[in-house]
Amino acid sequence: GAAMCAVITKRAAGTPLSDLPVIASVSPMALGGR
């Protein structure tokens, strides 16, 4: 999540979106199952 937020924060800098709070949607790719 922190890594993804860092990428988007950098990309949004200087745009009208730069004032928005940045959060990240993260799911576990490896969690047992099949």
ModelCIF file with pLDDT and N, C-alpha, C, O atoms, coordinates in Angstrom:
data_MODEL
#
_entry.id   MODEL 
#
_entity.id                         1 
_entity.type                       polymer 
_entity.pdbx_number_of_molecules   1 
#
_entity_poly.entity_id                      1 
_entity_poly.type                           'polypeptide(L)' 
_entity_poly.nstd_linkage                   no 
_entity_poly.nstd_monomer                   no 
_entity_poly.pdbx_seq_one_letter_code       GAAMCAVITKRAAGTPLSDLPVIASVSPMALGGR 
_entity_poly.pdbx_seq_one_letter_code_can   GAAMCAVITKRAAGTPLSDLPVIASVSPMALGGR 
_entity_poly.pdbx_strand_id                 A 
#
loop_
_entity_poly_seq.entity_id 
_entity_poly_seq.num 
_entity_poly_seq.mon_id 
_entity_poly_seq.hetero 
1 1  GLY n 
1 2  ALA n 
1 3  ALA n 
1 4  MET n 
1 5  CYS n 
1 6  ALA n 
1 7  VAL n 
1 8  ILE n 
1 9  THR n 
1 10 LYS n 
1 11 ARG n 
1 12 ALA n 
1 13 ALA n 
1 14 GLY n 
1 15 THR n 
1 16 PRO n 
1 17 LEU n 
1 18 SER n 
1 19 ASP n 
1 20 LEU n 
1 21 PRO n 
1 22 VAL n 
1 23 ILE n 
1 24 ALA n 
1 25 SER n 
1 26 VAL n 
1 27 SER n 
1 28 PRO n 
1 29 MET n 
1 30 ALA n 
1 31 LEU n 
1 32 GLY n 
1 33 GLY n 
1 34 ARG n 
#
_struct_asym.id          A 
_struct_asym.entity_id   1 
#
loop_
_ma_qa_metric.id 
_ma_qa_metric.mode 
_ma_qa_metric.name 
_ma_qa_metric.software_group_id 
_ma_qa_metric.type 
1 global pLDDT . pLDDT 
2 local  pLDDT . pLDDT 
#
_ma_qa_metric_global.metric_id      1 
_ma_qa_metric_global.metric_value   95.38 
_ma_qa_metric_global.model_id       1 
_ma_qa_metric_global.ordinal_id     1 
#
loop_
_ma_qa_metric_local.label_asym_id 
_ma_qa_metric_local.label_comp_id 
_ma_qa_metric_local.label_seq_id 
_ma_qa_metric_local.metric_id 
_ma_qa_metric_local.metric_value 
_ma_qa_metric_local.model_id 
_ma_qa_metric_local.ordinal_id 
A GLY 1  2 96.00 1 1  
A ALA 2  2 95.00 1 2  
A ALA 3  2 97.00 1 3  
A MET 4  2 97.00 1 4  
A CYS 5  2 97.00 1 5  
A ALA 6  2 97.00 1 6  
A VAL 7  2 97.00 1 7  
A ILE 8  2 98.00 1 8  
A THR 9  2 97.00 1 9  
A LYS 10 2 97.00 1 10 
A ARG 11 2 97.00 1 11 
A ALA 12 2 96.00 1 12 
A ALA 13 2 96.00 1 13 
A GLY 14 2 95.00 1 14 
A THR 15 2 94.00 1 15 
A PRO 16 2 93.00 1 16 
A LEU 17 2 95.00 1 17 
A SER 18 2 96.00 1 18 
A ASP 19 2 96.00 1 19 
A LEU 20 2 97.00 1 20 
A PRO 21 2 98.00 1 21 
A VAL 22 2 98.00 1 22 
A ILE 23 2 98.00 1 23 
A ALA 24 2 98.00 1 24 
A SER 25 2 98.00 1 25 
A VAL 26 2 97.00 1 26 
A SER 27 2 96.00 1 27 
A PRO 28 2 94.00 1 28 
A MET 29 2 90.00 1 29 
A ALA 30 2 93.00 1 30 
A LEU 31 2 94.00 1 31 
A GLY 32 2 94.00 1 32 
A GLY 33 2 90.00 1 33 
A ARG 34 2 82.00 1 34 
#
loop_
_atom_site.group_PDB 
_atom_site.id 
_atom_site.type_symbol 
_atom_site.label_atom_id 
_atom_site.label_alt_id 
_atom_site.label_comp_id 
_atom_site.label_asym_id 
_atom_site.label_entity_id 
_atom_site.label_seq_id 
_atom_site.pdbx_PDB_ins_code 
_atom_site.Cartn_x 
_atom_site.Cartn_y 
_atom_site.Cartn_z 
_atom_site.occupancy 
_atom_site.B_iso_or_equiv 
_atom_site.pdbx_formal_charge 
_atom_site.auth_seq_id 
_atom_site.auth_comp_id 
_atom_site.auth_asym_id 
_atom_site.auth_atom_id 
_atom_site.pdbx_PDB_model_num 
ATOM 1   N N  . GLY A 1 1  ? 0.816  -1.214  0.000   1.00 96.00 ? 1  GLY A N  1 
ATOM 2   C CA . GLY A 1 1  ? 0.000  0.000   0.000   1.00 96.00 ? 1  GLY A CA 1 
ATOM 3   C C  . GLY A 1 1  ? 0.844  1.256   0.000   1.00 96.00 ? 1  GLY A C  1 
ATOM 4   O O  . GLY A 1 1  ? 0.556  2.197   -0.740  1.00 96.00 ? 1  GLY A O  1 
ATOM 5   N N  . ALA A 1 2  ? 1.886  1.286   0.821   1.00 95.00 ? 2  ALA A N  1 
ATOM 6   C CA . ALA A 1 2  ? 2.767  2.455   0.873   1.00 95.00 ? 2  ALA A CA 1 
ATOM 7   C C  . ALA A 1 2  ? 3.479  2.667   -0.453  1.00 95.00 ? 2  ALA A C  1 
ATOM 8   O O  . ALA A 1 2  ? 3.648  3.800   -0.902  1.00 95.00 ? 2  ALA A O  1 
ATOM 9   N N  . ALA A 1 3  ? 3.897  1.565   -1.079  1.00 97.00 ? 3  ALA A N  1 
ATOM 10  C CA . ALA A 1 3  ? 4.595  1.665   -2.362  1.00 97.00 ? 3  ALA A CA 1 
ATOM 11  C C  . ALA A 1 3  ? 3.667  2.226   -3.439  1.00 97.00 ? 3  ALA A C  1 
ATOM 12  O O  . ALA A 1 3  ? 4.077  3.080   -4.224  1.00 97.00 ? 3  ALA A O  1 
ATOM 13  N N  . MET A 1 4  ? 2.435  1.758   -3.480  1.00 97.00 ? 4  MET A N  1 
ATOM 14  C CA . MET A 1 4  ? 1.479  2.239   -4.471  1.00 97.00 ? 4  MET A CA 1 
ATOM 15  C C  . MET A 1 4  ? 1.127  3.706   -4.229  1.00 97.00 ? 4  MET A C  1 
ATOM 16  O O  . MET A 1 4  ? 1.022  4.485   -5.176  1.00 97.00 ? 4  MET A O  1 
ATOM 17  N N  . CYS A 1 5  ? 0.945  4.083   -2.956  1.00 97.00 ? 5  CYS A N  1 
ATOM 18  C CA . CYS A 1 5  ? 0.635  5.476   -2.631  1.00 97.00 ? 5  CYS A CA 1 
ATOM 19  C C  . CYS A 1 5  ? 1.770  6.407   -3.055  1.00 97.00 ? 5  CYS A C  1 
ATOM 20  O O  . CYS A 1 5  ? 1.521  7.518   -3.525  1.00 97.00 ? 5  CYS A O  1 
ATOM 21  N N  . ALA A 1 6  ? 3.016  5.955   -2.890  1.00 97.00 ? 6  ALA A N  1 
ATOM 22  C CA . ALA A 1 6  ? 4.159  6.783   -3.269  1.00 97.00 ? 6  ALA A CA 1 
ATOM 23  C C  . ALA A 1 6  ? 4.156  7.067   -4.767  1.00 97.00 ? 6  ALA A C  1 
ATOM 24  O O  . ALA A 1 6  ? 4.451  8.182   -5.195  1.00 97.00 ? 6  ALA A O  1 
ATOM 25  N N  . VAL A 1 7  ? 3.819  6.047   -5.561  1.00 97.00 ? 7  VAL A N  1 
ATOM 26  C CA . VAL A 1 7  ? 3.774  6.228   -7.019  1.00 97.00 ? 7  VAL A CA 1 
ATOM 27  C C  . VAL A 1 7  ? 2.693  7.227   -7.412  1.00 97.00 ? 7  VAL A C  1 
ATOM 28  O O  . VAL A 1 7  ? 2.941  8.113   -8.230  1.00 97.00 ? 7  VAL A O  1 
ATOM 29  N N  . ILE A 1 8  ? 1.505  7.098   -6.844  1.00 98.00 ? 8  ILE A N  1 
ATOM 30  C CA . ILE A 1 8  ? 0.386  7.963   -7.214  1.00 98.00 ? 8  ILE A CA 1 
ATOM 31  C C  . ILE A 1 8  ? 0.591  9.382   -6.684  1.00 98.00 ? 8  ILE A C  1 
ATOM 32  O O  . ILE A 1 8  ? 0.257  10.350  -7.367  1.00 98.00 ? 8  ILE A O  1 
ATOM 33  N N  . THR A 1 9  ? 1.129  9.513   -5.491  1.00 97.00 ? 9  THR A N  1 
ATOM 34  C CA . THR A 1 9  ? 1.404  10.849  -4.945  1.00 97.00 ? 9  THR A CA 1 
ATOM 35  C C  . THR A 1 9  ? 2.365  11.612  -5.850  1.00 97.00 ? 9  THR A C  1 
ATOM 36  O O  . THR A 1 9  ? 2.177  12.799  -6.116  1.00 97.00 ? 9  THR A O  1 
ATOM 37  N N  . LYS A 1 10 ? 3.387  10.920  -6.313  1.00 97.00 ? 10 LYS A N  1 
ATOM 38  C CA . LYS A 1 10 ? 4.360  11.545  -7.216  1.00 97.00 ? 10 LYS A CA 1 
ATOM 39  C C  . LYS A 1 10 ? 3.715  11.923  -8.540  1.00 97.00 ? 10 LYS A C  1 
ATOM 40  O O  . LYS A 1 10 ? 3.963  13.010  -9.063  1.00 97.00 ? 10 LYS A O  1 
ATOM 41  N N  . ARG A 1 11 ? 2.882  11.030  -9.092  1.00 97.00 ? 11 ARG A N  1 
ATOM 42  C CA . ARG A 1 11 ? 2.261  11.285  -10.384 1.00 97.00 ? 11 ARG A CA 1 
ATOM 43  C C  . ARG A 1 11 ? 1.221  12.411  -10.287 1.00 97.00 ? 11 ARG A C  1 
ATOM 44  O O  . ARG A 1 11 ? 1.055  13.174  -11.238 1.00 97.00 ? 11 ARG A O  1 
ATOM 45  N N  . ALA A 1 12 ? 0.527  12.522  -9.160  1.00 96.00 ? 12 ALA A N  1 
ATOM 46  C CA . ALA A 1 12 ? -0.525 13.532  -9.012  1.00 96.00 ? 12 ALA A CA 1 
ATOM 47  C C  . ALA A 1 12 ? 0.026  14.918  -8.689  1.00 96.00 ? 12 ALA A C  1 
ATOM 48  O O  . ALA A 1 12 ? -0.697 15.910  -8.788  1.00 96.00 ? 12 ALA A O  1 
ATOM 49  N N  . ALA A 1 13 ? 1.294  14.993  -8.305  1.00 96.00 ? 13 ALA A N  1 
ATOM 50  C CA . ALA A 1 13 ? 1.889  16.284  -7.933  1.00 96.00 ? 13 ALA A CA 1 
ATOM 51  C C  . ALA A 1 13 ? 1.759  17.283  -9.074  1.00 96.00 ? 13 ALA A C  1 
ATOM 52  O O  . ALA A 1 13 ? 2.037  16.969  -10.232 1.00 96.00 ? 13 ALA A O  1 
ATOM 53  N N  . GLY A 1 14 ? 1.330  18.493  -8.724  1.00 95.00 ? 14 GLY A N  1 
ATOM 54  C CA . GLY A 1 14 ? 1.190  19.536  -9.733  1.00 95.00 ? 14 GLY A CA 1 
ATOM 55  C C  . GLY A 1 14 ? -0.090 19.470  -10.533 1.00 95.00 ? 14 GLY A C  1 
ATOM 56  O O  . GLY A 1 14 ? -0.278 20.258  -11.460 1.00 95.00 ? 14 GLY A O  1 
ATOM 57  N N  . THR A 1 15 ? -0.983 18.539  -10.196 1.00 94.00 ? 15 THR A N  1 
ATOM 58  C CA . THR A 1 15 ? -2.269 18.417  -10.889 1.00 94.00 ? 15 THR A CA 1 
ATOM 59  C C  . THR A 1 15 ? -3.394 18.798  -9.929  1.00 94.00 ? 15 THR A C  1 
ATOM 60  O O  . THR A 1 15 ? -3.166 18.910  -8.725  1.00 94.00 ? 15 THR A O  1 
ATOM 61  N N  . PRO A 1 16 ? -4.605 18.998  -10.450 1.00 93.00 ? 16 PRO A N  1 
ATOM 62  C CA . PRO A 1 16 ? -5.736 19.317  -9.556  1.00 93.00 ? 16 PRO A CA 1 
ATOM 63  C C  . PRO A 1 16 ? -6.039 18.221  -8.538  1.00 93.00 ? 16 PRO A C  1 
ATOM 64  O O  . PRO A 1 16 ? -6.769 18.462  -7.578  1.00 93.00 ? 16 PRO A O  1 
ATOM 65  N N  . LEU A 1 17 ? -5.491 17.023  -8.731  1.00 95.00 ? 17 LEU A N  1 
ATOM 66  C CA . LEU A 1 17 ? -5.739 15.917  -7.807  1.00 95.00 ? 17 LEU A CA 1 
ATOM 67  C C  . LEU A 1 17 ? -4.759 15.884  -6.639  1.00 95.00 ? 17 LEU A C  1 
ATOM 68  O O  . LEU A 1 17 ? -4.904 15.065  -5.731  1.00 95.00 ? 17 LEU A O  1 
ATOM 69  N N  . SER A 1 18 ? -3.776 16.758  -6.655  1.00 96.00 ? 18 SER A N  1 
ATOM 70  C CA . SER A 1 18 ? -2.694 16.679  -5.660  1.00 96.00 ? 18 SER A CA 1 
ATOM 71  C C  . SER A 1 18 ? -3.169 16.967  -4.240  1.00 96.00 ? 18 SER A C  1 
ATOM 72  O O  . SER A 1 18 ? -2.496 16.586  -3.282  1.00 96.00 ? 18 SER A O  1 
ATOM 73  N N  . ASP A 1 19 ? -4.326 17.638  -4.082  1.00 96.00 ? 19 ASP A N  1 
ATOM 74  C CA . ASP A 1 19 ? -4.814 17.962  -2.744  1.00 96.00 ? 19 ASP A CA 1 
ATOM 75  C C  . ASP A 1 19 ? -5.662 16.844  -2.131  1.00 96.00 ? 19 ASP A C  1 
ATOM 76  O O  . ASP A 1 19 ? -6.038 16.923  -0.961  1.00 96.00 ? 19 ASP A O  1 
ATOM 77  N N  . LEU A 1 20 ? -5.962 15.813  -2.909  1.00 97.00 ? 20 LEU A N  1 
ATOM 78  C CA . LEU A 1 20 ? -6.792 14.731  -2.389  1.00 97.00 ? 20 LEU A CA 1 
ATOM 79  C C  . LEU A 1 20 ? -5.970 13.774  -1.524  1.00 97.00 ? 20 LEU A C  1 
ATOM 80  O O  . LEU A 1 20 ? -4.801 13.525  -1.819  1.00 97.00 ? 20 LEU A O  1 
ATOM 81  N N  . PRO A 1 21 ? -6.577 13.229  -0.448  1.00 98.00 ? 21 PRO A N  1 
ATOM 82  C CA . PRO A 1 21 ? -5.886 12.189  0.329   1.00 98.00 ? 21 PRO A CA 1 
ATOM 83  C C  . PRO A 1 21 ? -5.640 10.969  -0.547  1.00 98.00 ? 21 PRO A C  1 
ATOM 84  O O  . PRO A 1 21 ? -6.524 10.555  -1.297  1.00 98.00 ? 21 PRO A O  1 
ATOM 85  N N  . VAL A 1 22 ? -4.445 10.391  -0.458  1.00 98.00 ? 22 VAL A N  1 
ATOM 86  C CA . VAL A 1 22 ? -4.098 9.206   -1.247  1.00 98.00 ? 22 VAL A CA 1 
ATOM 87  C C  . VAL A 1 22 ? -4.147 7.981   -0.348  1.00 98.00 ? 22 VAL A C  1 
ATOM 88  O O  . VAL A 1 22 ? -3.464 7.923   0.674   1.00 98.00 ? 22 VAL A O  1 
ATOM 89  N N  . ILE A 1 23 ? -4.962 6.999   -0.734  1.00 98.00 ? 23 ILE A N  1 
ATOM 90  C CA . ILE A 1 23 ? -5.029 5.723   -0.037  1.00 98.00 ? 23 ILE A CA 1 
ATOM 91  C C  . ILE A 1 23 ? -4.806 4.631   -1.077  1.00 98.00 ? 23 ILE A C  1 
ATOM 92  O O  . ILE A 1 23 ? -4.733 4.920   -2.271  1.00 98.00 ? 23 ILE A O  1 
ATOM 93  N N  . ALA A 1 24 ? -4.700 3.393   -0.638  1.00 98.00 ? 24 ALA A N  1 
ATOM 94  C CA . ALA A 1 24 ? -4.426 2.304   -1.576  1.00 98.00 ? 24 ALA A CA 1 
ATOM 95  C C  . ALA A 1 24 ? -5.311 1.111   -1.291  1.00 98.00 ? 24 ALA A C  1 
ATOM 96  O O  . ALA A 1 24 ? -5.567 0.770   -0.136  1.00 98.00 ? 24 ALA A O  1 
ATOM 97  N N  . SER A 1 25 ? -5.777 0.480   -2.357  1.00 98.00 ? 25 SER A N  1 
ATOM 98  C CA . SER A 1 25 ? -6.552 -0.757  -2.266  1.00 98.00 ? 25 SER A CA 1 
ATOM 99  C C  . SER A 1 25 ? -5.609 -1.926  -2.521  1.00 98.00 ? 25 SER A C  1 
ATOM 100 O O  . SER A 1 25 ? -5.058 -2.066  -3.613  1.00 98.00 ? 25 SER A O  1 
ATOM 101 N N  . VAL A 1 26 ? -5.431 -2.764  -1.503  1.00 97.00 ? 26 VAL A N  1 
ATOM 102 C CA . VAL A 1 26 ? -4.431 -3.838  -1.570  1.00 97.00 ? 26 VAL A CA 1 
ATOM 103 C C  . VAL A 1 26 ? -5.079 -5.163  -1.181  1.00 97.00 ? 26 VAL A C  1 
ATOM 104 O O  . VAL A 1 26 ? -5.788 -5.249  -0.179  1.00 97.00 ? 26 VAL A O  1 
ATOM 105 N N  . SER A 1 27 ? -4.828 -6.182  -1.979  1.00 96.00 ? 27 SER A N  1 
ATOM 106 C CA . SER A 1 27 ? -5.328 -7.521  -1.645  1.00 96.00 ? 27 SER A CA 1 
ATOM 107 C C  . SER A 1 27 ? -4.161 -8.498  -1.569  1.00 96.00 ? 27 SER A C  1 
ATOM 108 O O  . SER A 1 27 ? -3.166 -8.319  -2.270  1.00 96.00 ? 27 SER A O  1 
ATOM 109 N N  . PRO A 1 28 ? -4.265 -9.537  -0.726  1.00 94.00 ? 28 PRO A N  1 
ATOM 110 C CA . PRO A 1 28 ? -3.196 -10.536 -0.629  1.00 94.00 ? 28 PRO A CA 1 
ATOM 111 C C  . PRO A 1 28 ? -3.224 -11.500 -1.806  1.00 94.00 ? 28 PRO A C  1 
ATOM 112 O O  . PRO A 1 28 ? -4.221 -12.188 -2.024  1.00 94.00 ? 28 PRO A O  1 
ATOM 113 N N  . MET A 1 29 ? -2.142 -11.552 -2.557  1.00 90.00 ? 29 MET A N  1 
ATOM 114 C CA . MET A 1 29 ? -2.073 -12.451 -3.713  1.00 90.00 ? 29 MET A CA 1 
ATOM 115 C C  . MET A 1 29 ? -1.795 -13.891 -3.294  1.00 90.00 ? 29 MET A C  1 
ATOM 116 O O  . MET A 1 29 ? -2.196 -14.831 -3.981  1.00 90.00 ? 29 MET A O  1 
ATOM 117 N N  . ALA A 1 30 ? -1.110 -14.062 -2.169  1.00 93.00 ? 30 ALA A N  1 
ATOM 118 C CA . ALA A 1 30 ? -0.762 -15.402 -1.680  1.00 93.00 ? 30 ALA A CA 1 
ATOM 119 C C  . ALA A 1 30 ? -1.395 -15.594 -0.315  1.00 93.00 ? 30 ALA A C  1 
ATOM 120 O O  . ALA A 1 30 ? -0.911 -15.054 0.681   1.00 93.00 ? 30 ALA A O  1 
ATOM 121 N N  . LEU A 1 31 ? -2.471 -16.358 -0.264  1.00 94.00 ? 31 LEU A N  1 
ATOM 122 C CA . LEU A 1 31 ? -3.157 -16.599 1.000   1.00 94.00 ? 31 LEU A CA 1 
ATOM 123 C C  . LEU A 1 31 ? -3.788 -17.984 0.976   1.00 94.00 ? 31 LEU A C  1 
ATOM 124 O O  . LEU A 1 31 ? -5.002 -18.141 1.111   1.00 94.00 ? 31 LEU A O  1 
ATOM 125 N N  . GLY A 1 32 ? -2.917 -18.997 0.798   1.00 94.00 ? 32 GLY A N  1 
ATOM 126 C CA . GLY A 1 32 ? -3.390 -20.378 0.815   1.00 94.00 ? 32 GLY A CA 1 
ATOM 127 C C  . GLY A 1 32 ? -4.248 -20.699 -0.390  1.00 94.00 ? 32 GLY A C  1 
ATOM 128 O O  . GLY A 1 32 ? -3.810 -20.551 -1.531  1.00 94.00 ? 32 GLY A O  1 
ATOM 129 N N  . GLY A 1 33 ? -5.477 -21.140 -0.137  1.00 90.00 ? 33 GLY A N  1 
ATOM 130 C CA . GLY A 1 33 ? -6.405 -21.477 -1.209  1.00 90.00 ? 33 GLY A CA 1 
ATOM 131 C C  . GLY A 1 33 ? -5.902 -22.607 -2.079  1.00 90.00 ? 33 GLY A C  1 
ATOM 132 O O  . GLY A 1 33 ? -5.293 -23.560 -1.595  1.00 90.00 ? 33 GLY A O  1 
ATOM 133 N N  . ARG A 1 34 ? -6.166 -22.489 -3.381  1.00 82.00 ? 34 ARG A N  1 
ATOM 134 C CA . ARG A 1 34 ? -5.761 -23.541 -4.300  1.00 82.00 ? 34 ARG A CA 1 
ATOM 135 C C  . ARG A 1 34 ? -4.249 -23.610 -4.462  1.00 82.00 ? 34 ARG A C  1 
ATOM 136 O O  . ARG A 1 34 ? -3.746 -24.451 -5.208  1.00 82.00 ? 34 ARG A O  1 
#
